Amino acid sequence: MTQESPIPPDTHSAPPVLVVEDDREQRETLCAMLDFEGFDHAEAANGREALDYLENSRAPCVVLLDLDMPVMNGWDFRANQLADERLSRIPVVVVTANDENLSDRFPGVVGFLWKPLRFEKLAAVLDRICPRN
């Protein structure tokens, strides 16, 4: 009698996109867009959940980061991310309705997407950064 070996985890699939958005409806809409475009994704409702995810999961290809959230906002998430050498290398795209000189306040992010989010702009940014499954 032979014993079957466990199936190894799929290490060849593309890393997910981490969506950090407190508004459930906006988060679900964004995730539906990602599904439609062929990107795996993970979700967090605030910066604290996002940091917990990053500590315990495979690194995403990019973090789509809202700014105004309860518990831990996007500003504090980014400060914590940059303070951790391992996490600081993960690309971030800020997704926000706020447009007040954000590039000056968020050095090192790979892009900005403004709400209401336009599907084609999201796809264009992700095509630059993330592989598809």
Protein backbone atom coordinates (compact mmCIF):
# COMPACT_ATOMS: atom_id res chain seq x y z
CA MET A 1 0.00 0.00 0.00
CA THR A 2 1.50 3.33 -1.04
CA GLN A 3 0.92 6.54 0.73
CA GLU A 4 0.07 9.60 -1.31
CA SER A 5 2.17 12.63 -0.61
CA PRO A 6 0.37 15.85 0.13
CA ILE A 7 0.01 18.19 -2.80
CA PRO A 8 2.52 21.02 -2.45
CA PRO A 9 1.13 24.52 -2.36
CA ASP A 10 1.01 26.30 -5.70
CA THR A 11 4.10 28.47 -5.66
CA HIS A 12 3.85 29.30 -9.36
CA SER A 13 0.66 31.32 -9.22
CA ALA A 14 0.96 35.08 -9.35
CA PRO A 15 1.02 36.86 -6.01
CA PRO A 16 -2.27 38.47 -4.99
CA VAL A 17 -3.24 42.12 -4.93
CA LEU A 18 -3.94 43.30 -1.37
CA VAL A 19 -6.99 45.58 -1.27
CA VAL A 20 -7.04 47.79 1.85
CA GLU A 21 -10.40 49.58 1.93
CA ASP A 22 -12.79 50.10 4.85
CA ASP A 23 -15.95 50.61 2.77
CA ARG A 24 -17.27 47.09 2.18
CA GLU A 25 -19.11 47.97 -1.03
CA GLN A 26 -16.08 49.71 -2.56
CA ARG A 27 -13.82 46.84 -1.46
CA GLU A 28 -16.14 44.25 -3.02
CA THR A 29 -16.40 46.27 -6.24
CA LEU A 30 -12.63 46.58 -6.46
CA CYS A 31 -12.21 42.85 -5.84
CA ALA A 32 -14.79 42.09 -8.55
CA MET A 33 -12.74 44.22 -10.96
CA LEU A 34 -9.64 42.25 -10.00
CA ASP A 35 -11.45 38.94 -10.53
CA PHE A 36 -12.63 40.11 -13.94
CA GLU A 37 -9.08 41.09 -14.91
CA GLY A 38 -7.63 37.77 -13.71
CA PHE A 39 -5.83 38.91 -10.56
CA ASP A 40 -5.93 37.00 -7.28
CA HIS A 41 -6.62 39.23 -4.31
CA ALA A 42 -6.75 39.47 -0.55
CA GLU A 43 -8.76 41.98 1.46
CA ALA A 44 -8.25 44.09 4.56
CA ALA A 45 -10.71 46.58 6.05
CA ASN A 46 -8.02 48.81 7.60
CA GLY A 47 -4.28 49.27 7.93
CA ARG A 48 -4.02 47.04 11.01
CA GLU A 49 -5.66 44.11 9.18
CA ALA A 50 -3.34 44.76 6.23
CA LEU A 51 -0.23 44.62 8.42
CA ASP A 52 -1.50 41.42 10.04
CA TYR A 53 -2.03 39.93 6.57
CA LEU A 54 1.47 40.95 5.46
CA GLU A 55 3.03 39.41 8.58
CA ASN A 56 1.30 36.06 8.08
CA SER A 57 0.83 35.59 4.33
CA ARG A 58 2.60 35.54 1.02
CA ALA A 59 3.67 39.01 -0.07
CA PRO A 60 1.26 40.61 -2.55
CA CYS A 61 2.46 42.06 -5.84
CA VAL A 62 0.96 45.40 -4.77
CA VAL A 63 -1.11 47.00 -2.02
CA LEU A 64 -4.09 49.10 -3.15
CA LEU A 65 -4.33 51.46 -0.18
CA ASP A 66 -7.24 53.65 0.86
CA LEU A 67 -6.29 56.53 3.18
CA ASP A 68 -9.28 57.35 5.38
CA MET A 69 -10.03 54.24 7.45
CA PRO A 70 -10.83 53.48 11.08
CA VAL A 71 -8.51 51.51 13.39
CA MET A 72 -5.40 52.31 11.30
CA ASN A 73 -5.54 54.72 8.38
CA GLY A 74 -3.47 54.57 5.21
CA TRP A 75 -0.97 57.15 6.46
CA ASP A 76 -0.17 55.07 9.56
CA PHE A 77 -0.13 51.83 7.55
CA ARG A 78 2.44 53.33 5.18
CA ALA A 79 4.63 54.56 8.08
CA ASN A 80 4.57 51.06 9.63
CA GLN A 81 5.22 49.41 6.28
CA LEU A 82 8.25 51.59 5.58
CA ALA A 83 9.63 50.93 9.07
CA ASP A 84 9.78 47.17 8.34
CA GLU A 85 12.56 46.36 5.87
CA ARG A 86 10.80 43.23 4.60
CA LEU A 87 7.48 45.02 4.03
CA SER A 88 8.94 48.25 2.68
CA ARG A 89 9.74 46.61 -0.67
CA ILE A 90 6.07 45.83 -1.42
CA PRO A 91 4.72 48.36 -3.96
CA VAL A 92 1.81 50.57 -2.93
CA VAL A 93 -0.80 52.34 -5.04
CA VAL A 94 -2.85 54.90 -3.11
CA VAL A 95 -6.58 54.76 -3.95
CA THR A 96 -8.33 57.87 -2.67
CA ALA A 97 -10.72 60.74 -3.25
CA ASN A 98 -8.17 63.06 -1.63
CA ASP A 99 -5.92 64.88 -4.10
CA GLU A 100 -4.01 67.34 -1.92
CA ASN A 101 -0.35 67.07 -3.00
CA LEU A 102 -0.28 63.37 -2.24
CA SER A 103 2.88 62.68 -4.22
CA ASP A 104 4.74 64.98 -1.79
CA ARG A 105 3.23 63.21 1.21
CA PHE A 106 3.66 59.65 -0.11
CA PRO A 107 7.16 59.37 -1.56
CA GLY A 108 7.96 55.98 -2.98
CA VAL A 109 4.46 54.85 -3.90
CA VAL A 110 4.16 53.48 -7.43
CA GLY A 111 0.98 55.34 -8.29
CA PHE A 112 -2.27 57.02 -7.36
CA LEU A 113 -5.82 56.13 -8.40
CA TRP A 114 -8.65 58.53 -7.66
CA LYS A 115 -12.18 57.66 -6.62
CA PRO A 116 -14.52 57.06 -8.22
CA LEU A 117 -12.21 54.41 -9.60
CA ARG A 118 -12.12 53.95 -13.35
CA PHE A 119 -11.76 50.33 -14.41
CA GLU A 120 -9.33 51.01 -17.27
CA LYS A 121 -7.00 53.04 -15.05
CA LEU A 122 -6.90 50.25 -12.46
CA ALA A 123 -6.10 47.67 -15.15
CA ALA A 124 -3.36 49.86 -16.64
CA VAL A 125 -1.64 50.36 -13.26
CA LEU A 126 -1.83 46.66 -12.38
CA ASP A 127 -0.53 45.60 -15.80
CA ARG A 128 2.64 47.61 -15.05
CA ILE A 129 3.16 45.99 -11.64
CA CYS A 130 1.55 42.55 -11.32
CA PRO A 131 1.59 39.33 -13.31
CA ARG A 132 -1.77 37.76 -14.10
CA ASN A 133 -2.71 34.16 -13.38
